[in-house]
Amino acid sequence: MDEPRTLGEFPYRRIRVTCRWCPHRRGAYCVERMQARLGPGASLDTVIRLITAGCPHPKAWEKRGPSQYPPWCRAAFEDLRHGRPPDR
């Protein structure tokens, strides 16, 4: 399966987001509602930025940090990371 780049290409009905640094920060979002809000052409980078806007460890997007050890936002799409479809 090719990696989706936009909401219109997202293969599942729900977007599940989790963070490795903040285990209590997780959520599930309806793809249809996100498409109605942002449009089907919205990139998944834009979606993850909007979802993690209130993160206590913000990441300098598209920039490499000074080192690998300070905490920065590690939110990711759960179902895409594992490569298996979510439970129905």
PDB file of N, CA and C in Angstrom:
ATOM      1  N   MET A   1       0.838  -1.167   0.000  1.00  0.00           N
ATOM      2  CA  MET A   1       0.000   0.000   0.000  1.00  0.00           C
ATOM      3  C   MET A   1       0.891   1.241   0.000  1.00  0.00           C
ATOM      4  N   ASP A   2       0.606   2.165  -0.892  1.00  0.00           N
ATOM      5  CA  ASP A   2       1.355   3.420  -0.952  1.00  0.00           C
ATOM      6  C   ASP A   2       0.937   4.316   0.206  1.00  0.00           C
ATOM      7  N   GLU A   3       1.874   5.109   0.667  1.00  0.00           N
ATOM      8  CA  GLU A   3       1.619   6.049   1.759  1.00  0.00           C
ATOM      9  C   GLU A   3       0.701   7.164   1.255  1.00  0.00           C
ATOM     10  N   PRO A   4      -0.464   7.373   1.906  1.00  0.00           N
ATOM     11  CA  PRO A   4      -1.351   8.462   1.471  1.00  0.00           C
ATOM     12  C   PRO A   4      -0.720   9.817   1.782  1.00  0.00           C
ATOM     13  N   ARG A   5      -1.013  10.789   0.948  1.00  0.00           N
ATOM     14  CA  ARG A   5      -0.472  12.134   1.143  1.00  0.00           C
ATOM     15  C   ARG A   5      -1.549  13.156   1.470  1.00  0.00           C
ATOM     16  N   THR A   6      -2.801  12.860   1.119  1.00  0.00           N
ATOM     17  CA  THR A   6      -3.891  13.802   1.362  1.00  0.00           C
ATOM     18  C   THR A   6      -5.038  13.092   2.086  1.00  0.00           C
ATOM     19  N   LEU A   7      -5.971  13.898   2.580  1.00  0.00           N
ATOM     20  CA  LEU A   7      -7.146  13.313   3.235  1.00  0.00           C
ATOM     21  C   LEU A   7      -7.975  12.475   2.268  1.00  0.00           C
ATOM     22  N   GLY A   8      -8.031  12.885   1.013  1.00  0.00           N
ATOM     23  CA  GLY A   8      -8.782  12.132   0.013  1.00  0.00           C
ATOM     24  C   GLY A   8      -8.197  10.753  -0.249  1.00  0.00           C
ATOM     25  N   GLU A   9      -6.917  10.573  -0.006  1.00  0.00           N
ATOM     26  CA  GLU A   9      -6.254   9.285  -0.216  1.00  0.00           C
ATOM     27  C   GLU A   9      -6.227   8.428   1.045  1.00  0.00           C
ATOM     28  N   PHE A  10      -6.666   8.985   2.183  1.00  0.00           N
ATOM     29  CA  PHE A  10      -6.579   8.233   3.439  1.00  0.00           C
ATOM     30  C   PHE A  10      -7.465   6.987   3.338  1.00  0.00           C
ATOM     31  N   PRO A  11      -6.933   5.799   3.620  1.00  0.00           N
ATOM     32  CA  PRO A  11      -7.645   4.552   3.323  1.00  0.00           C
ATOM     33  C   PRO A  11      -8.720   4.142   4.342  1.00  0.00           C
ATOM     34  N   TYR A  12      -8.787   4.780   5.499  1.00  0.00           N
ATOM     35  CA  TYR A  12      -9.716   4.345   6.541  1.00  0.00           C
ATOM     36  C   TYR A  12     -10.735   5.431   6.838  1.00  0.00           C
ATOM     37  N   ARG A  13     -11.799   5.072   7.553  1.00  0.00           N
ATOM     38  CA  ARG A  13     -12.860   6.017   7.892  1.00  0.00           C
ATOM     39  C   ARG A  13     -12.519   6.861   9.111  1.00  0.00           C
ATOM     40  N   ARG A  14     -11.608   6.389   9.935  1.00  0.00           N
ATOM     41  CA  ARG A  14     -11.192   7.117  11.133  1.00  0.00           C
ATOM     42  C   ARG A  14      -9.705   7.389  11.068  1.00  0.00           C
ATOM     43  N   ILE A  15      -9.317   8.557  11.548  1.00  0.00           N
ATOM     44  CA  ILE A  15      -7.904   8.903  11.685  1.00  0.00           C
ATOM     45  C   ILE A  15      -7.566   8.759  13.156  1.00  0.00           C
ATOM     46  N   ARG A  16      -6.704   7.801  13.486  1.00  0.00           N
ATOM     47  CA  ARG A  16      -6.273   7.633  14.878  1.00  0.00           C
ATOM     48  C   ARG A  16      -4.864   8.179  15.017  1.00  0.00           C
ATOM     49  N   VAL A  17      -4.700   9.071  16.010  1.00  0.00           N
ATOM     50  CA  VAL A  17      -3.420   9.730  16.246  1.00  0.00           C
ATOM     51  C   VAL A  17      -2.954   9.395  17.656  1.00  0.00           C
ATOM     52  N   THR A  18      -1.695   9.014  17.796  1.00  0.00           N
ATOM     53  CA  THR A  18      -1.106   8.767  19.108  1.00  0.00           C
ATOM     54  C   THR A  18       0.266   9.433  19.167  1.00  0.00           C
ATOM     55  N   CYS A  19       0.755   9.620  20.386  1.00  0.00           N
ATOM     56  CA  CYS A  19       2.064  10.225  20.599  1.00  0.00           C
ATOM     57  C   CYS A  19       2.882   9.324  21.521  1.00  0.00           C
ATOM     58  N   ARG A  20       4.139   9.095  21.168  1.00  0.00           N
ATOM     59  CA  ARG A  20       5.002   8.256  22.001  1.00  0.00           C
ATOM     60  C   ARG A  20       5.442   8.965  23.272  1.00  0.00           C
ATOM     61  N   TRP A  21       5.562  10.301  23.251  1.00  0.00           N
ATOM     62  CA  TRP A  21       5.976  11.041  24.442  1.00  0.00           C
ATOM     63  C   TRP A  21       4.831  11.226  25.422  1.00  0.00           C
ATOM     64  N   CYS A  22       3.643  11.410  24.929  1.00  0.00           N
ATOM     65  CA  CYS A  22       2.481  11.709  25.773  1.00  0.00           C
ATOM     66  C   CYS A  22       1.441  10.598  25.596  1.00  0.00           C
ATOM     67  N   PRO A  23       1.539   9.513  26.342  1.00  0.00           N
ATOM     68  CA  PRO A  23       0.627   8.383  26.116  1.00  0.00           C
ATOM     69  C   PRO A  23      -0.844   8.721  26.360  1.00  0.00           C
ATOM     70  N   HIS A  24      -1.101   9.752  27.168  1.00  0.00           N
ATOM     71  CA  HIS A  24      -2.493  10.132  27.412  1.00  0.00           C
ATOM     72  C   HIS A  24      -3.054  10.989  26.277  1.00  0.00           C
ATOM     73  N   ARG A  25      -2.209  11.449  25.384  1.00  0.00           N
ATOM     74  CA  ARG A  25      -2.656  12.266  24.254  1.00  0.00           C
ATOM     75  C   ARG A  25      -2.868  11.363  23.049  1.00  0.00           C
ATOM     76  N   ARG A  26      -4.103  11.040  22.810  1.00  0.00           N
ATOM     77  CA  ARG A  26      -4.479  10.228  21.662  1.00  0.00           C
ATOM     78  C   ARG A  26      -5.882  10.616  21.248  1.00  0.00           C
ATOM     79  N   GLY A  27      -6.224  10.352  20.017  1.00  0.00           N
ATOM     80  CA  GLY A  27      -7.551  10.712  19.550  1.00  0.00           C
ATOM     81  C   GLY A  27      -7.903  10.010  18.264  1.00  0.00           C
ATOM     82  N   ALA A  28      -9.183  10.037  17.967  1.00  0.00           N
ATOM     83  CA  ALA A  28      -9.701   9.457  16.732  1.00  0.00           C
ATOM     84  C   ALA A  28     -10.623  10.494  16.101  1.00  0.00           C
ATOM     85  N   TYR A  29     -10.461  10.694  14.813  1.00  0.00           N
ATOM     86  CA  TYR A  29     -11.190  11.723  14.096  1.00  0.00           C
ATOM     87  C   TYR A  29     -11.833  11.119  12.857  1.00  0.00           C
ATOM     88  N   CYS A  30     -13.005  11.596  12.529  1.00  0.00           N
ATOM     89  CA  CYS A  30     -13.741  11.125  11.361  1.00  0.00           C
ATOM     90  C   CYS A  30     -13.137  11.757  10.107  1.00  0.00           C
ATOM     91  N   VAL A  31     -12.791  10.935   9.137  1.00  0.00           N
ATOM     92  CA  VAL A  31     -12.173  11.421   7.905  1.00  0.00           C
ATOM     93  C   VAL A  31     -13.161  12.306   7.139  1.00  0.00           C
ATOM     94  N   GLU A  32     -14.439  11.923   7.108  1.00  0.00           N
ATOM     95  CA  GLU A  32     -15.427  12.710   6.370  1.00  0.00           C
ATOM     96  C   GLU A  32     -15.572  14.107   6.961  1.00  0.00           C
ATOM     97  N   ARG A  33     -15.562  14.223   8.279  1.00  0.00           N
ATOM     98  CA  ARG A  33     -15.652  15.546   8.902  1.00  0.00           C
ATOM     99  C   ARG A  33     -14.402  16.374   8.647  1.00  0.00           C
ATOM    100  N   MET A  34     -13.251  15.733   8.681  1.00  0.00           N
ATOM    101  CA  MET A  34     -12.008  16.446   8.398  1.00  0.00           C
ATOM    102  C   MET A  34     -11.981  16.912   6.939  1.00  0.00           C
ATOM    103  N   GLN A  35     -12.506  16.104   6.029  1.00  0.00           N
ATOM    104  CA  GLN A  35     -12.563  16.505   4.626  1.00  0.00           C
ATOM    105  C   GLN A  35     -13.528  17.672   4.441  1.00  0.00           C
ATOM    106  N   ALA A  36     -14.639  17.662   5.169  1.00  0.00           N
ATOM    107  CA  ALA A  36     -15.582  18.772   5.071  1.00  0.00           C
ATOM    108  C   ALA A  36     -14.962  20.054   5.616  1.00  0.00           C
ATOM    109  N   ARG A  37     -14.143  19.931   6.632  1.00  0.00           N
ATOM    110  CA  ARG A  37     -13.511  21.103   7.256  1.00  0.00           C
ATOM    111  C   ARG A  37     -12.320  21.620   6.447  1.00  0.00           C
ATOM    112  N   LEU A  38     -11.463  20.712   5.995  1.00  0.00           N
ATOM    113  CA  LEU A  38     -10.210  21.103   5.351  1.00  0.00           C
ATOM    114  C   LEU A  38     -10.175  20.869   3.846  1.00  0.00           C
ATOM    115  N   GLY A  39     -11.074  20.034   3.352  1.00  0.00           N
ATOM    116  CA  GLY A  39     -11.070  19.671   1.940  1.00  0.00           C
ATOM    117  C   GLY A  39     -10.305  18.380   1.719  1.00  0.00           C
ATOM    118  N   PRO A  40     -10.682  17.609   0.688  1.00  0.00           N
ATOM    119  CA  PRO A  40     -10.005  16.330   0.439  1.00  0.00           C
ATOM    120  C   PRO A  40      -8.563  16.482  -0.028  1.00  0.00           C
ATOM    121  N   GLY A  41      -8.178  17.656  -0.482  1.00  0.00           N
ATOM    122  CA  GLY A  41      -6.811  17.865  -0.945  1.00  0.00           C
ATOM    123  C   GLY A  41      -5.846  18.295   0.147  1.00  0.00           C
ATOM    124  N   ALA A  42      -6.319  18.399   1.392  1.00  0.00           N
ATOM    125  CA  ALA A  42      -5.446  18.813   2.502  1.00  0.00           C
ATOM    126  C   ALA A  42      -4.396  17.740   2.761  1.00  0.00           C
ATOM    127  N   SER A  43      -3.169  18.168   2.929  1.00  0.00           N
ATOM    128  CA  SER A  43      -2.101  17.198   3.168  1.00  0.00           C
ATOM    129  C   SER A  43      -2.199  16.645   4.585  1.00  0.00           C
ATOM    130  N   LEU A  44      -1.664  15.451   4.785  1.00  0.00           N
ATOM    131  CA  LEU A  44      -1.678  14.836   6.112  1.00  0.00           C
ATOM    132  C   LEU A  44      -0.766  15.586   7.073  1.00  0.00           C
ATOM    133  N   ASP A  45       0.246  16.285   6.566  1.00  0.00           N
ATOM    134  CA  ASP A  45       1.074  17.138   7.426  1.00  0.00           C
ATOM    135  C   ASP A  45       0.236  18.265   8.027  1.00  0.00           C
ATOM    136  N   THR A  46      -0.625  18.858   7.226  1.00  0.00           N
ATOM    137  CA  THR A  46      -1.518  19.912   7.719  1.00  0.00           C
ATOM    138  C   THR A  46      -2.457  19.361   8.771  1.00  0.00           C
ATOM    139  N   VAL A  47      -2.984  18.174   8.541  1.00  0.00           N
ATOM    140  CA  VAL A  47      -3.909  17.549   9.491  1.00  0.00           C
ATOM    141  C   VAL A  47      -3.212  17.309  10.830  1.00  0.00           C
ATOM    142  N   ILE A  48      -2.018  16.755  10.817  1.00  0.00           N
ATOM    143  CA  ILE A  48      -1.325  16.452  12.072  1.00  0.00           C
ATOM    144  C   ILE A  48      -0.935  17.742  12.796  1.00  0.00           C
ATOM    145  N   ARG A  49      -0.608  18.789  12.052  1.00  0.00           N
ATOM    146  CA  ARG A  49      -0.309  20.076  12.690  1.00  0.00           C
ATOM    147  C   ARG A  49      -1.525  20.654  13.398  1.00  0.00           C
ATOM    148  N   LEU A  50      -2.690  20.562  12.770  1.00  0.00           N
ATOM    149  CA  LEU A  50      -3.913  21.069  13.396  1.00  0.00           C
ATOM    150  C   LEU A  50      -4.289  20.259  14.628  1.00  0.00           C
ATOM    151  N   ILE A  51      -4.129  18.952  14.545  1.00  0.00           N
ATOM    152  CA  ILE A  51      -4.485  18.085  15.665  1.00  0.00           C
ATOM    153  C   ILE A  51      -3.553  18.318  16.852  1.00  0.00           C
ATOM    154  N   THR A  52      -2.287  18.564  16.591  1.00  0.00           N
ATOM    155  CA  THR A  52      -1.304  18.708  17.668  1.00  0.00           C
ATOM    156  C   THR A  52      -0.990  20.166  17.995  1.00  0.00           C
ATOM    157  N   ALA A  53      -1.866  21.072  17.650  1.00  0.00           N
ATOM    158  CA  ALA A  53      -1.608  22.498  17.875  1.00  0.00           C
ATOM    159  C   ALA A  53      -1.391  22.821  19.350  1.00  0.00           C
ATOM    160  N   GLY A  54      -2.015  22.099  20.265  1.00  0.00           N
ATOM    161  CA  GLY A  54      -1.859  22.368  21.690  1.00  0.00           C
ATOM    162  C   GLY A  54      -0.835  21.493  22.388  1.00  0.00           C
ATOM    163  N   CYS A  55       0.058  20.898  21.641  1.00  0.00           N
ATOM    164  CA  CYS A  55       1.053  19.989  22.210  1.00  0.00           C
ATOM    165  C   CYS A  55       2.033  20.743  23.119  1.00  0.00           C
ATOM    166  N   PRO A  56       2.351  20.188  24.302  1.00  0.00           N
ATOM    167  CA  PRO A  56       3.309  20.849  25.184  1.00  0.00           C
ATOM    168  C   PRO A  56       4.758  20.737  24.700  1.00  0.00           C
ATOM    169  N   HIS A  57       5.015  19.878  23.724  1.00  0.00           N
ATOM    170  CA  HIS A  57       6.360  19.706  23.163  1.00  0.00           C
ATOM    171  C   HIS A  57       6.306  19.983  21.659  1.00  0.00           C
ATOM    172  N   PRO A  58       6.154  21.236  21.260  1.00  0.00           N
ATOM    173  CA  PRO A  58       6.003  21.500  19.817  1.00  0.00           C
ATOM    174  C   PRO A  58       7.259  21.146  19.040  1.00  0.00           C
ATOM    175  N   LYS A  59       7.044  20.783  17.808  1.00  0.00           N
ATOM    176  CA  LYS A  59       8.145  20.411  16.915  1.00  0.00           C
ATOM    177  C   LYS A  59       8.346  21.519  15.896  1.00  0.00           C
ATOM    178  N   ALA A  60       9.577  21.831  15.598  1.00  0.00           N
ATOM    179  CA  ALA A  60       9.869  22.763  14.521  1.00  0.00           C
ATOM    180  C   ALA A  60       9.719  21.989  13.217  1.00  0.00           C
ATOM    181  N   TRP A  61       8.559  22.064  12.595  1.00  0.00           N
ATOM    182  CA  TRP A  61       8.253  21.269  11.411  1.00  0.00           C
ATOM    183  C   TRP A  61       9.220  21.590  10.278  1.00  0.00           C
ATOM    184  N   GLU A  62       9.599  20.590   9.545  1.00  0.00           N
ATOM    185  CA  GLU A  62      10.535  20.648   8.429  1.00  0.00           C
ATOM    186  C   GLU A  62      11.936  21.099   8.845  1.00  0.00           C
ATOM    187  N   LYS A  63      12.233  21.074  10.119  1.00  0.00           N
ATOM    188  CA  LYS A  63      13.570  21.447  10.582  1.00  0.00           C
ATOM    189  C   LYS A  63      14.077  20.376  11.531  1.00  0.00           C
ATOM    190  N   ARG A  64      15.327  20.119  11.456  1.00  0.00           N
ATOM    191  CA  ARG A  64      15.926  19.160  12.366  1.00  0.00           C
ATOM    192  C   ARG A  64      16.281  19.866  13.660  1.00  0.00           C
ATOM    193  N   GLY A  65      15.996  19.217  14.775  1.00  0.00           N
ATOM    194  CA  GLY A  65      16.291  19.803  16.071  1.00  0.00           C
ATOM    195  C   GLY A  65      17.769  19.768  16.382  1.00  0.00           C
ATOM    196  N   PRO A  66      18.181  20.427  17.461  1.00  0.00           N
ATOM    197  CA  PRO A  66      19.605  20.462  17.805  1.00  0.00           C
ATOM    198  C   PRO A  66      20.155  19.091  18.202  1.00  0.00           C
ATOM    199  N   SER A  67      19.321  18.236  18.756  1.00  0.00           N
ATOM    200  CA  SER A  67      19.757  16.877  19.071  1.00  0.00           C
ATOM    201  C   SER A  67      18.543  15.968  19.087  1.00  0.00           C
ATOM    202  N   GLN A  68      18.782  14.693  19.250  1.00  0.00           N
ATOM    203  CA  GLN A  68      17.684  13.738  19.216  1.00  0.00           C
ATOM    204  C   GLN A  68      17.035  13.537  20.582  1.00  0.00           C
ATOM    205  N   TYR A  69      17.586  14.120  21.628  1.00  0.00           N
ATOM    206  CA  TYR A  69      17.118  13.818  22.966  1.00  0.00           C
ATOM    207  C   TYR A  69      16.064  14.742  23.548  1.00  0.00           C
ATOM    208  N   PRO A  70      16.000  16.033  23.213  1.00  0.00           N
ATOM    209  CA  PRO A  70      14.947  16.830  23.831  1.00  0.00           C
ATOM    210  C   PRO A  70      13.576  16.379  23.333  1.00  0.00           C
ATOM    211  N   PRO A  71      12.575  16.422  24.199  1.00  0.00           N
ATOM    212  CA  PRO A  71      11.241  15.983  23.762  1.00  0.00           C
ATOM    213  C   PRO A  71      10.643  16.961  22.758  1.00  0.00           C
ATOM    214  N   TRP A  72      10.120  16.430  21.687  1.00  0.00           N
ATOM    215  CA  TRP A  72       9.372  17.208  20.719  1.00  0.00           C
ATOM    216  C   TRP A  72       8.207  16.348  20.268  1.00  0.00           C
ATOM    217  N   CYS A  73       7.240  16.953  19.695  1.00  0.00           N
ATOM    218  CA  CYS A  73       6.002  16.253  19.342  1.00  0.00           C
ATOM    219  C   CYS A  73       6.282  15.059  18.435  1.00  0.00           C
ATOM    220  N   ARG A  74       5.830  13.910  18.858  1.00  0.00           N
ATOM    221  CA  ARG A  74       6.020  12.683  18.069  1.00  0.00           C
ATOM    222  C   ARG A  74       4.681  12.055  17.703  1.00  0.00           C
ATOM    223  N   ALA A  75       3.696  12.899  17.523  1.00  0.00           N
ATOM    224  CA  ALA A  75       2.381  12.398  17.127  1.00  0.00           C
ATOM    225  C   ALA A  75       2.474  11.773  15.740  1.00  0.00           C
ATOM    226  N   ALA A  76       1.737  10.685  15.563  1.00  0.00           N
ATOM    227  CA  ALA A  76       1.759   9.977  14.288  1.00  0.00           C
ATOM    228  C   ALA A  76       0.405   9.322  14.059  1.00  0.00           C
ATOM    229  N   PHE A  77       0.138   9.009  12.817  1.00  0.00           N
ATOM    230  CA  PHE A  77      -1.088   8.293  12.462  1.00  0.00           C
ATOM    231  C   PHE A  77      -0.892   6.830  12.837  1.00  0.00           C
ATOM    232  N   GLU A  78      -1.633   6.391  13.824  1.00  0.00           N
ATOM    233  CA  GLU A  78      -1.463   5.059  14.406  1.00  0.00           C
ATOM    234  C   GLU A  78      -1.603   3.948  13.365  1.00  0.00           C
ATOM    235  N   ASP A  79      -2.651   4.006  12.556  1.00  0.00           N
ATOM    236  CA  ASP A  79      -2.921   2.916  11.619  1.00  0.00           C
ATOM    237  C   ASP A  79      -1.930   2.884  10.460  1.00  0.00           C
ATOM    238  N   LEU A  80      -1.403   4.026  10.070  1.00  0.00           N
ATOM    239  CA  LEU A  80      -0.417   4.053   8.995  1.00  0.00           C
ATOM    240  C   LEU A  80       0.945   3.588   9.482  1.00  0.00           C
ATOM    241  N   ARG A  81       1.230   3.858  10.740  1.00  0.00           N
ATOM    242  CA  ARG A  81       2.522   3.478  11.305  1.00  0.00           C
ATOM    243  C   ARG A  81       2.664   1.962  11.400  1.00  0.00           C
ATOM    244  N   HIS A  82       1.580   1.270  11.730  1.00  0.00           N
ATOM    245  CA  HIS A  82       1.650  -0.180  11.906  1.00  0.00           C
ATOM    246  C   HIS A  82       1.336  -0.952  10.621  1.00  0.00           C
ATOM    247  N   GLY A  83       0.738  -0.271   9.643  1.00  0.00           N
ATOM    248  CA  GLY A  83       0.454  -0.923   8.385  1.00  0.00           C
ATOM    249  C   GLY A  83      -0.666  -1.940   8.418  1.00  0.00           C
ATOM    250  N   ARG A  84      -1.495  -1.868   9.437  1.00  0.00           N
ATOM    251  CA  ARG A  84      -2.636  -2.792   9.486  1.00  0.00           C
ATOM    252  C   ARG A  84      -3.911  -1.974   9.656  1.00  0.00           C
ATOM    253  N   PRO A  85      -5.013  -2.450   9.104  1.00  0.00           N
ATOM    254  CA  PRO A  85      -6.262  -1.679   9.206  1.00  0.00           C
ATOM    255  C   PRO A  85      -6.786  -1.683  10.635  1.00  0.00           C
ATOM    256  N   PRO A  86      -7.507  -0.624  11.005  1.00  0.00           N
ATOM    257  CA  PRO A  86      -8.089  -0.576  12.343  1.00  0.00           C
ATOM    258  C   PRO A  86      -9.215  -1.588  12.490  1.00  0.00           C
ATOM    259  N   ASP A  87      -9.561  -1.879  13.731  1.00  0.00           N
ATOM    260  CA  ASP A  87     -10.680  -2.779  13.983  1.00  0.00           C
ATOM    261  C   ASP A  87     -11.965  -2.134  13.526  1.00  0.00           C
ATOM    262  N   ARG A  88     -12.873  -2.897  13.073  1.00  0.00           N
ATOM    263  CA  ARG A  88     -14.161  -2.361  12.606  1.00  0.00           C
ATOM    264  C   ARG A  88     -15.108  -2.188  13.756  1.00  0.00           C
TER     265      ARG A  88
END
